[in-house]
């Protein structure tokens, strides 16, 4: 039905037309703006824009802001600004391997999962649009289907993932040390070849996948990673991990699950690659070389540690005795055993010399000070896996196919890299001595950015004095206005 003449004659803004809403009612006659025209078949065809008002009771009524159509003028800012400032180098590394748009999408997913660890894929796009990341890196497609296919594609391009890891290994400083360790995570999928019962999970009746990470213990950052089935033990995967990621230099510190004998060929072929392994306390070389008879003390006023170094069959043994640790272990041993059994002098005398001790074997001829420092810094590995499982909350797989697992673990690796960079900044700034990680993130995330009008300048509303001080310490603001 044509628009009545009386309705068309109502005064309204120029370059508009009137259309009828078939639902009728009060808002039956819509006023729509004309925003241009296009040429088609030799004719100018008008292009209509949005509805700007209605004709109600014979009068034009201007439309007001609709919540559903409003532009976002409030965004989460603090945590995104923090992680992006420290994580930008990860993005540049990605761009050395991948197309810029793909690199930005990988980085965006990884960063969103850092800030919102429990976020499901279908919520990525909404979280992205409400975050400052959408202003820092606009126009990234993150709808659920796109993300799912994209992550699967990352896994299918195994060579690209490997190239990225090798590049990171090449960035590794020659005077730094590498720690290699593994962990497992739950995976109950029946459609991939990774989900297997691990040594640790058989009693619980669950299935796992295995992860091996190499860490730069001087910076606390992961260097490279590899995903394996849950039933592959660490020692079997050791050589393949070093070969695939082309780890050819540095000192590799590994626990008993990664004996150097399982990667002897790799170490033999790379003269700049060295190994360091702890010995079991019943290893016969300890007694044969009298490694509990110490010959010196570490020159460190904060430590009371004795040492001995010995050369045995072209390798070096380094033993250490920490008196503070020995006292604690002796106390714990006595407390535990006095409740279980009667005093056994022979058993006690055998255990006592081992309290507070650790013995290493290595092909590297260096000072005991360097070996002990390397050992004590290795705790960063456990911190990094804690980041992976607790802070990032990725103890269970989100996907099922082999390719998707490779892709997801690659994104998780990027998330750990970004998080570790920020954790180092928190430590260096002294904030970690005052607050927990969660407390710092709560304070940082309280800082939003808003616009007072659609096209206005982004500003930070008032935040607490405590949050202001944290933001200043991290270099995110000079002042809050």
Protein backbone atom coordinates (compact mmCIF):
# COMPACT_ATOMS: atom_id res chain seq x y z
CA UNK A 1 0.00 0.00 0.00
CA UNK A 2 1.45 3.43 -0.94
CA UNK A 3 2.39 5.90 1.83
CA UNK A 4 -0.55 8.30 2.38
CA UNK A 5 -0.03 11.81 0.98
CA UNK A 6 -0.60 13.36 4.43
CA UNK A 7 2.28 11.32 5.85
CA UNK A 8 4.63 12.16 2.99
CA UNK A 9 3.97 15.90 3.43
CA UNK A 10 4.98 15.92 7.11
CA UNK A 11 8.07 18.11 7.57
CA UNK A 12 11.17 15.97 8.06
CA UNK A 13 14.98 16.20 7.42
CA UNK A 14 16.19 16.58 3.84
CA UNK A 15 17.43 13.58 1.87
CA UNK A 16 15.09 11.17 3.60
CA UNK A 17 12.25 8.90 2.55
CA UNK A 18 9.29 7.37 4.38
CA UNK A 19 8.83 3.59 4.51
CA UNK A 20 6.06 1.61 6.15
CA UNK A 21 6.80 -0.87 8.90
CA UNK A 22 4.58 -3.87 8.18
CA UNK A 23 4.16 -4.49 11.90
CA UNK A 24 2.11 -1.32 12.10
CA UNK A 25 1.57 0.31 15.46
CA UNK A 26 2.94 3.60 16.74
CA UNK A 27 6.19 3.25 14.76
CA UNK A 28 4.47 2.34 11.49
CA UNK A 29 6.03 5.10 9.36
CA UNK A 30 9.84 5.07 9.41
CA UNK A 31 11.97 7.99 8.21
CA UNK A 32 15.09 6.63 6.48
CA UNK A 33 18.10 8.67 5.35
CA UNK A 34 19.41 8.63 1.79
CA UNK A 35 23.20 8.24 1.85
CA UNK A 36 24.03 8.21 -1.86
CA UNK A 37 23.42 6.35 -5.06
CA UNK A 38 25.06 3.83 -7.37
CA UNK A 39 25.10 3.43 -11.14
CA UNK A 40 23.37 0.34 -12.46
CA UNK A 41 22.27 -0.40 -16.05
CA UNK A 42 22.75 3.25 -16.94
CA UNK A 43 20.55 4.45 -14.07
CA UNK A 44 21.26 6.07 -10.72
CA UNK A 45 19.95 3.79 -7.96
CA UNK A 46 19.53 5.46 -4.55
CA UNK A 47 21.20 3.91 -1.49
CA UNK A 48 19.28 4.02 1.77
CA UNK A 49 20.89 4.31 5.20
CA UNK A 50 19.57 3.81 8.70
CA UNK A 51 16.24 4.79 10.24
CA UNK A 52 16.64 8.19 11.87
CA UNK A 53 13.07 8.74 13.17
CA UNK A 54 9.35 8.09 12.78
CA UNK A 55 6.19 10.00 11.89
CA UNK A 56 3.88 9.71 14.86
CA UNK A 57 0.46 11.36 15.05
CA UNK A 58 1.30 13.54 12.06
CA UNK A 59 4.61 14.82 13.53
CA UNK A 60 8.20 13.82 12.76
CA UNK A 61 9.89 12.40 15.90
CA UNK A 62 13.66 12.10 15.79
CA UNK A 63 15.06 8.71 16.72
CA UNK A 64 17.14 8.41 19.87
CA UNK A 65 20.08 6.21 20.70
CA UNK A 66 19.28 2.51 20.79
CA UNK A 67 21.30 0.30 23.09
CA UNK A 68 21.46 -2.35 20.37
CA UNK A 69 22.91 0.16 17.89
CA UNK A 70 25.19 2.13 20.19
CA UNK A 71 28.89 2.24 19.59
CA UNK A 72 31.07 0.88 22.38
CA UNK A 73 32.36 3.82 24.39
CA UNK A 74 33.53 1.84 27.44
CA UNK A 75 36.42 -0.61 27.03
CA UNK A 76 38.53 -2.77 29.33
CA UNK A 77 41.93 -1.12 29.09
CA UNK A 78 44.52 -1.71 31.83
CA UNK A 79 45.35 -5.40 31.48
CA UNK A 80 45.23 -5.30 27.66
CA UNK A 81 47.58 -2.33 27.51
CA UNK A 82 49.97 -4.08 29.93
CA UNK A 83 50.11 -7.42 28.13
CA UNK A 84 50.27 -5.84 24.68
CA UNK A 85 53.20 -3.59 25.63
CA UNK A 86 55.20 -6.61 26.77
CA UNK A 87 53.85 -9.06 24.18
CA UNK A 88 54.40 -6.99 21.04
CA UNK A 89 57.72 -8.76 20.44
CA UNK A 90 55.85 -12.07 20.19
CA UNK A 91 53.68 -10.55 17.46
CA UNK A 92 56.78 -9.47 15.55
CA UNK A 93 58.17 -13.01 15.80
CA UNK A 94 54.92 -14.36 14.38
CA UNK A 95 55.09 -11.92 11.46
CA UNK A 96 58.53 -13.31 10.57
CA UNK A 97 56.82 -16.61 9.73
CA UNK A 98 53.14 -15.94 9.00
CA UNK A 99 51.07 -13.51 6.96
CA UNK A 100 50.51 -10.32 8.98
CA UNK A 101 46.73 -10.83 9.32
CA UNK A 102 47.17 -14.44 10.44
CA UNK A 103 49.90 -13.40 12.88
CA UNK A 104 47.64 -10.72 14.38
CA UNK A 105 44.78 -13.18 14.81
CA UNK A 106 47.04 -15.74 16.54
CA UNK A 107 48.41 -13.06 18.81
CA UNK A 108 44.94 -11.65 19.58
CA UNK A 109 43.58 -15.08 20.57
CA UNK A 110 46.63 -15.75 22.74
CA UNK A 111 46.39 -12.36 24.47
CA UNK A 112 42.65 -12.67 25.07
CA UNK A 113 43.25 -16.04 26.71
CA UNK A 114 45.93 -14.50 28.92
CA UNK A 115 43.53 -11.86 30.22
CA UNK A 116 40.42 -14.11 30.26
CA UNK A 117 41.80 -17.64 30.86
CA UNK A 118 38.46 -19.42 30.95
CA UNK A 119 37.03 -17.79 27.84
CA UNK A 120 35.33 -20.18 25.37
CA UNK A 121 35.92 -19.65 21.66
CA UNK A 122 32.39 -18.38 21.03
CA UNK A 123 33.00 -15.49 23.47
CA UNK A 124 36.27 -14.32 21.89
CA UNK A 125 34.64 -11.87 19.47
CA UNK A 126 32.48 -10.21 22.15
CA UNK A 127 35.41 -9.94 24.58
CA UNK A 128 37.65 -8.56 21.83
CA UNK A 129 35.14 -5.85 20.86
CA UNK A 130 34.74 -4.72 24.48
CA UNK A 131 38.48 -4.66 25.10
CA UNK A 132 41.16 -2.10 24.32
CA UNK A 133 42.73 -4.71 22.03
CA UNK A 134 40.09 -3.86 19.43
CA UNK A 135 41.42 -0.30 19.40
CA UNK A 136 45.07 -1.38 19.36
CA UNK A 137 44.44 -3.97 16.63
CA UNK A 138 41.11 -3.30 14.87
CA UNK A 139 39.20 -5.49 12.40
CA UNK A 140 40.31 -8.94 13.56
CA UNK A 141 37.78 -11.65 12.72
CA UNK A 142 37.17 -13.84 15.78
CA UNK A 143 33.73 -15.39 15.38
CA UNK A 144 33.44 -18.97 16.64
CA UNK A 145 33.55 -20.79 13.28
CA UNK A 146 36.43 -18.65 12.04
CA UNK A 147 38.48 -19.32 15.19
CA UNK A 148 37.83 -23.07 15.10
CA UNK A 149 38.92 -23.41 11.46
CA UNK A 150 41.85 -21.07 12.02
CA UNK A 151 43.26 -23.05 14.97
CA UNK A 152 42.86 -26.27 13.02
CA UNK A 153 44.75 -24.60 10.16
CA UNK A 154 47.63 -23.66 12.48
CA UNK A 155 47.99 -27.31 13.42
CA UNK A 156 47.82 -28.53 9.82
CA UNK A 157 50.71 -26.19 8.97
CA UNK A 158 53.16 -28.07 11.19
CA UNK A 159 56.15 -26.73 9.27
CA UNK A 160 55.15 -23.14 10.04
CA UNK A 161 54.88 -23.89 13.77
CA UNK A 162 58.28 -25.60 13.69
CA UNK A 163 59.88 -22.65 11.87
CA UNK A 164 58.56 -20.32 14.58
CA UNK A 165 60.07 -22.51 17.33
CA UNK A 166 63.44 -22.74 15.57
CA UNK A 167 63.51 -18.95 15.19
CA UNK A 168 62.98 -18.61 18.95
CA UNK A 169 65.80 -21.07 19.62
CA UNK A 170 68.07 -18.95 17.42
CA UNK A 171 67.16 -15.87 19.51
CA UNK A 172 68.29 -17.71 22.62
CA UNK A 173 71.39 -16.01 24.08
CA UNK A 174 74.55 -18.13 23.97
CA UNK A 175 75.42 -17.33 27.60
CA UNK A 176 71.98 -18.34 28.86
CA UNK A 177 70.88 -21.76 30.07
CA UNK A 178 68.03 -23.96 28.88
CA UNK A 179 65.88 -26.10 31.16
CA UNK A 180 63.83 -28.88 29.60
CA UNK A 181 60.86 -30.40 31.36
CA UNK A 182 57.56 -32.08 30.64
CA UNK A 183 54.03 -32.02 31.94
CA UNK A 184 50.75 -33.75 31.19
CA UNK A 185 47.19 -32.47 30.79
CA UNK A 186 43.87 -34.22 30.69
CA UNK A 187 42.40 -35.14 27.31
CA UNK A 188 39.46 -37.52 27.15
CA UNK A 189 38.94 -37.30 23.39
CA UNK A 190 38.49 -40.56 21.45
CA UNK A 191 39.09 -39.01 18.02
CA UNK A 192 42.77 -38.06 18.24
CA UNK A 193 45.96 -40.08 18.50
CA UNK A 194 47.34 -38.08 21.46
CA UNK A 195 44.86 -39.12 24.12
CA UNK A 196 46.62 -41.98 25.96
CA UNK A 197 47.03 -43.15 29.57
CA UNK A 198 50.19 -41.67 31.05
CA UNK A 199 52.38 -43.15 33.78
CA UNK A 200 50.79 -40.76 36.30
CA UNK A 201 47.19 -41.15 35.16
CA UNK A 202 46.73 -44.93 35.04
CA UNK A 203 45.58 -45.09 38.65
CA UNK A 204 43.01 -42.34 38.07
CA UNK A 205 41.73 -43.98 34.89
CA UNK A 206 41.99 -40.80 32.80
CA UNK A 207 43.74 -40.05 29.50
CA UNK A 208 46.40 -37.42 28.86
CA UNK A 209 48.53 -35.69 26.30
CA UNK A 210 52.19 -34.85 27.05
CA UNK A 211 53.96 -31.54 26.57
CA UNK A 212 57.69 -30.85 26.53
CA UNK A 213 58.85 -27.28 27.02
CA UNK A 214 62.31 -25.74 26.87
CA UNK A 215 62.79 -22.62 29.00
CA UNK A 216 65.36 -19.88 29.10
CA UNK A 217 65.97 -19.94 32.86
CA UNK A 218 67.74 -16.58 32.72
CA UNK A 219 64.62 -14.81 31.42
CA UNK A 220 61.94 -17.24 32.62
CA UNK A 221 60.45 -17.48 29.11
CA UNK A 222 59.65 -20.64 27.15
CA UNK A 223 61.88 -21.18 24.12
CA UNK A 224 60.07 -23.99 22.26
CA UNK A 225 57.57 -26.80 22.80
CA UNK A 226 56.42 -30.14 21.46
CA UNK A 227 53.13 -32.05 21.88
CA UNK A 228 53.19 -35.83 22.34
CA UNK A 229 50.78 -38.65 23.21
CA UNK A 230 50.24 -39.18 26.91
CA UNK A 231 51.96 -42.58 26.92
CA UNK A 232 55.27 -41.31 25.48
CA UNK A 233 57.83 -41.10 28.28
CA UNK A 234 60.14 -38.11 28.50
CA UNK A 235 63.38 -39.97 27.80
CA UNK A 236 62.13 -41.37 24.49
CA UNK A 237 61.08 -37.90 23.27
CA UNK A 238 64.27 -36.12 24.41
CA UNK A 239 66.41 -36.50 21.28
CA UNK A 240 63.50 -35.83 18.90
CA UNK A 241 62.68 -32.62 20.77
CA UNK A 242 66.25 -31.30 20.44
CA UNK A 243 66.50 -32.30 16.77
CA UNK A 244 63.11 -30.91 15.68
CA UNK A 245 63.71 -27.55 17.33
CA UNK A 246 67.40 -27.45 16.32
CA UNK A 247 68.70 -26.81 19.82
CA UNK A 248 72.46 -26.67 19.12
CA UNK A 249 74.01 -24.47 21.82
CA UNK A 250 73.76 -23.63 25.47
CA UNK A 251 73.66 -25.67 28.67
CA UNK A 252 70.62 -27.96 28.88
CA UNK A 253 69.47 -28.62 32.44
CA UNK A 254 67.10 -31.54 32.67
CA UNK A 255 65.68 -33.69 35.45
CA UNK A 256 66.05 -37.45 35.78
CA UNK A 257 63.38 -38.01 33.14
CA UNK A 258 65.66 -36.58 30.45
CA UNK A 259 69.03 -38.40 30.81
CA UNK A 260 71.72 -37.15 28.43
CA UNK A 261 72.34 -40.74 27.30
CA UNK A 262 69.01 -40.63 25.45
CA UNK A 263 70.25 -37.71 23.32
CA UNK A 264 73.94 -38.61 23.20
CA UNK A 265 74.10 -38.28 19.41
CA UNK A 266 72.75 -34.70 19.46
CA UNK A 267 75.22 -33.57 22.11
CA UNK A 268 78.05 -35.29 20.29
CA UNK A 269 77.26 -33.51 17.02
CA UNK A 270 76.99 -30.03 18.58
CA UNK A 271 80.13 -28.94 20.44
CA UNK A 272 78.41 -25.79 21.77
CA UNK A 273 75.56 -27.80 23.32
CA UNK A 274 76.18 -29.11 26.84
CA UNK A 275 74.14 -31.09 29.35
CA UNK A 276 73.63 -31.14 33.11
CA UNK A 277 71.72 -33.89 34.94
CA UNK A 278 71.11 -34.58 38.64
CA UNK A 279 72.19 -38.00 39.90
CA UNK A 280 70.02 -40.31 41.96
CA UNK A 281 71.25 -40.46 45.53
CA UNK A 282 72.03 -44.18 45.17
CA UNK A 283 74.22 -43.63 42.07
CA UNK A 284 77.45 -45.58 42.66
CA UNK A 285 79.63 -42.74 41.36
CA UNK A 286 78.79 -40.68 44.42
CA UNK A 287 80.34 -43.20 46.81
CA UNK A 288 83.19 -44.19 44.47
CA UNK A 289 84.37 -40.56 44.22
CA UNK A 290 83.61 -39.62 47.83
CA UNK A 291 81.36 -36.76 46.66
CA UNK A 292 80.09 -36.06 50.18
CA UNK A 293 83.59 -35.00 51.29
CA UNK A 294 83.49 -31.34 50.38
CA UNK A 295 86.51 -29.26 49.39
CA UNK A 296 85.20 -25.70 49.35
CA UNK A 297 82.35 -23.25 50.01
CA UNK A 298 80.45 -21.06 47.58
CA UNK A 299 81.41 -17.40 47.82
CA UNK A 300 77.95 -16.07 48.53
CA UNK A 301 77.14 -14.29 51.80
CA UNK A 302 73.48 -15.38 51.56
CA UNK A 303 74.28 -19.09 51.17
CA UNK A 304 75.94 -21.68 53.40
CA UNK A 305 76.76 -24.25 50.73
CA UNK A 306 79.77 -26.54 50.46
CA UNK A 307 80.86 -28.21 47.22
CA UNK A 308 83.14 -30.74 45.57
CA UNK A 309 84.09 -31.11 41.91
CA UNK A 310 85.61 -34.24 40.37
CA UNK A 311 86.46 -35.40 36.85
CA UNK A 312 85.39 -38.98 36.10
CA UNK A 313 85.68 -40.64 32.68
CA UNK A 314 85.58 -37.38 30.68
CA UNK A 315 82.59 -36.00 32.58
CA UNK A 316 82.42 -33.84 35.69
CA UNK A 317 80.66 -34.45 38.97
CA UNK A 318 79.51 -31.49 41.06
CA UNK A 319 78.17 -32.11 44.58
CA UNK A 320 76.64 -29.55 46.95
CA UNK A 321 75.62 -29.51 50.61
CA UNK A 322 73.18 -26.82 51.77
CA UNK A 323 73.16 -26.64 55.56
CA UNK A 324 69.81 -24.84 55.83
CA UNK A 325 68.18 -27.40 53.56
CA UNK A 326 69.86 -30.26 55.44
CA UNK A 327 68.35 -29.10 58.74
CA UNK A 328 64.87 -28.99 57.23
CA UNK A 329 65.19 -32.40 55.57
CA UNK A 330 66.53 -33.93 58.79
CA UNK A 331 63.61 -32.50 60.77
CA UNK A 332 61.05 -33.72 58.20
CA UNK A 333 62.63 -37.18 58.03
CA UNK A 334 62.67 -37.60 61.79
CA UNK A 335 59.10 -36.35 62.20
CA UNK A 336 57.82 -38.66 59.48
CA UNK A 337 59.61 -41.82 60.61
CA UNK A 338 59.18 -41.59 64.36
CA UNK A 339 55.43 -42.07 63.90
CA UNK A 340 55.87 -45.04 61.57
CA UNK A 341 58.54 -47.18 63.22
CA UNK A 342 60.98 -47.50 66.11
CA UNK A 343 64.35 -45.75 65.95
CA UNK A 344 66.73 -47.59 63.58
CA UNK A 345 70.28 -46.33 64.03
CA UNK A 346 71.63 -48.08 60.92
CA UNK A 347 68.91 -46.62 58.71
CA UNK A 348 69.33 -43.16 60.30
CA UNK A 349 73.13 -43.17 59.84
CA UNK A 350 72.70 -44.11 56.18
CA UNK A 351 70.16 -41.34 55.47
CA UNK A 352 71.77 -38.49 57.39
CA UNK A 353 74.75 -37.78 55.04
CA UNK A 354 72.29 -37.29 52.16
CA UNK A 355 70.26 -34.52 53.79
CA UNK A 356 70.69 -31.18 51.99
CA UNK A 357 72.74 -32.70 49.17
CA UNK A 358 72.49 -32.81 45.41
CA UNK A 359 75.00 -34.18 42.90
CA UNK A 360 75.16 -33.36 39.20
CA UNK A 361 76.94 -34.89 36.24
CA UNK A 362 77.83 -32.77 33.21
CA UNK A 363 80.11 -32.63 30.19
CA UNK A 364 80.82 -28.96 30.99
CA UNK A 365 84.01 -28.03 32.82
CA UNK A 366 83.06 -24.89 34.74
CA UNK A 367 82.96 -23.50 38.27
CA UNK A 368 80.72 -24.94 41.02
CA UNK A 369 79.27 -21.42 41.44
CA UNK A 370 77.87 -21.48 37.88
CA UNK A 371 76.44 -24.99 38.28
CA UNK A 372 74.71 -24.16 41.57
CA UNK A 373 73.33 -20.88 40.25
CA UNK A 374 71.95 -22.73 37.23
CA UNK A 375 70.36 -25.32 39.49
CA UNK A 376 68.73 -22.79 41.83
CA UNK A 377 67.31 -20.78 38.94
CA UNK A 378 65.66 -23.86 37.47
CA UNK A 379 62.66 -23.34 39.76
CA UNK A 380 61.46 -20.91 37.09
CA UNK A 381 60.47 -24.01 35.10
CA UNK A 382 57.95 -24.99 37.75
CA UNK A 383 56.72 -21.40 37.86
CA UNK A 384 56.21 -21.47 34.10
CA UNK A 385 54.19 -24.68 34.24
CA UNK A 386 52.21 -23.16 37.12
CA UNK A 387 51.46 -20.25 34.80
CA UNK A 388 50.31 -22.74 32.18
CA UNK A 389 48.01 -24.73 34.43
CA UNK A 390 46.80 -22.26 37.06
CA UNK A 391 47.02 -18.71 35.75
CA UNK A 392 46.05 -19.60 32.16
CA UNK A 393 43.73 -22.43 33.31
CA UNK A 394 44.61 -24.76 30.43
CA UNK A 395 44.88 -28.07 32.28
CA UNK A 396 42.30 -29.65 29.94
CA UNK A 397 42.23 -29.67 26.15
CA UNK A 398 39.51 -27.58 24.46
CA UNK A 399 39.52 -29.44 21.15
CA UNK A 400 39.70 -32.95 19.74
CA UNK A 401 41.48 -33.53 16.41
CA UNK A 402 45.25 -33.87 16.16
CA UNK A 403 45.55 -30.68 14.09
CA UNK A 404 43.42 -28.72 16.55
CA UNK A 405 45.54 -29.94 19.47
CA UNK A 406 48.71 -28.78 17.70
CA UNK A 407 47.05 -25.43 16.96
CA UNK A 408 45.65 -24.95 20.45
CA UNK A 409 48.93 -25.81 22.16
CA UNK A 410 50.71 -23.36 19.86
CA UNK A 411 48.30 -20.61 20.99
CA UNK A 412 48.83 -21.70 24.62
CA UNK A 413 52.59 -21.46 24.09
CA UNK A 414 52.19 -17.87 22.87
CA UNK A 415 50.04 -17.10 25.93
CA UNK A 416 52.73 -18.44 28.25
CA UNK A 417 55.38 -16.36 26.45
CA UNK A 418 53.34 -13.17 26.90
CA UNK A 419 52.48 -13.95 30.53
CA UNK A 420 56.08 -14.70 31.50
CA UNK A 421 57.22 -11.37 30.04
CA UNK A 422 54.70 -9.55 32.23
CA UNK A 423 55.55 -11.61 35.31
CA UNK A 424 59.21 -10.66 34.87
CA UNK A 425 58.22 -6.99 34.68
CA UNK A 426 56.16 -7.36 37.87
CA UNK A 427 59.15 -8.92 39.61
CA UNK A 428 61.64 -6.33 38.32
CA UNK A 429 59.32 -3.47 39.34
CA UNK A 430 59.09 -4.77 42.92
CA UNK A 431 55.30 -5.14 42.76
CA UNK A 432 55.55 -8.92 43.23
CA UNK A 433 57.05 -8.26 46.65
CA UNK A 434 53.93 -6.34 47.68
CA UNK A 435 51.02 -8.04 45.90
CA UNK A 436 50.14 -11.44 44.46
CA UNK A 437 49.79 -11.80 40.70
CA UNK A 438 45.99 -11.84 41.00
CA UNK A 439 45.95 -8.73 43.16
CA UNK A 440 48.05 -6.83 40.64
CA UNK A 441 45.80 -7.91 37.78
CA UNK A 442 42.70 -6.83 39.73
CA UNK A 443 44.18 -3.38 40.27
CA UNK A 444 45.33 -3.02 36.66
CA UNK A 445 42.00 -4.23 35.25
CA UNK A 446 40.10 -1.61 37.28
CA UNK A 447 41.40 1.00 34.82
CA UNK A 448 38.97 1.36 31.91
CA UNK A 449 38.84 3.78 29.00
CA UNK A 450 35.69 5.72 28.10
CA UNK A 451 34.46 8.29 25.62
CA UNK A 452 32.09 11.03 26.70
CA UNK A 453 30.67 11.11 23.17
CA UNK A 454 30.82 8.83 20.15
CA UNK A 455 33.84 10.49 18.55
CA UNK A 456 35.48 11.93 21.63
CA UNK A 457 38.89 11.26 23.10
CA UNK A 458 39.40 8.09 25.13
CA UNK A 459 40.03 8.92 28.80
CA UNK A 460 40.55 6.95 32.02
CA UNK A 461 37.90 7.54 34.68
CA UNK A 462 38.95 7.92 38.29
CA UNK A 463 40.56 4.84 39.88
CA UNK A 464 41.81 4.18 43.41
CA UNK A 465 45.12 5.57 44.65
CA UNK A 466 46.46 2.02 44.98
CA UNK A 467 45.56 1.21 41.36
CA UNK A 468 47.02 4.54 40.20
CA UNK A 469 50.33 3.75 41.87
CA UNK A 470 50.47 0.30 40.26
CA UNK A 471 49.67 1.73 36.82
CA UNK A 472 52.41 4.33 37.24
CA UNK A 473 54.94 1.75 38.42
CA UNK A 474 54.23 -0.36 35.32
CA UNK A 475 54.63 2.65 33.03
CA UNK A 476 51.03 2.52 31.82
CA UNK A 477 50.21 6.10 32.85
CA UNK A 478 51.91 9.30 33.88
CA UNK A 479 48.83 10.43 35.75
CA UNK A 480 45.09 9.71 35.83
CA UNK A 481 42.81 12.54 34.83
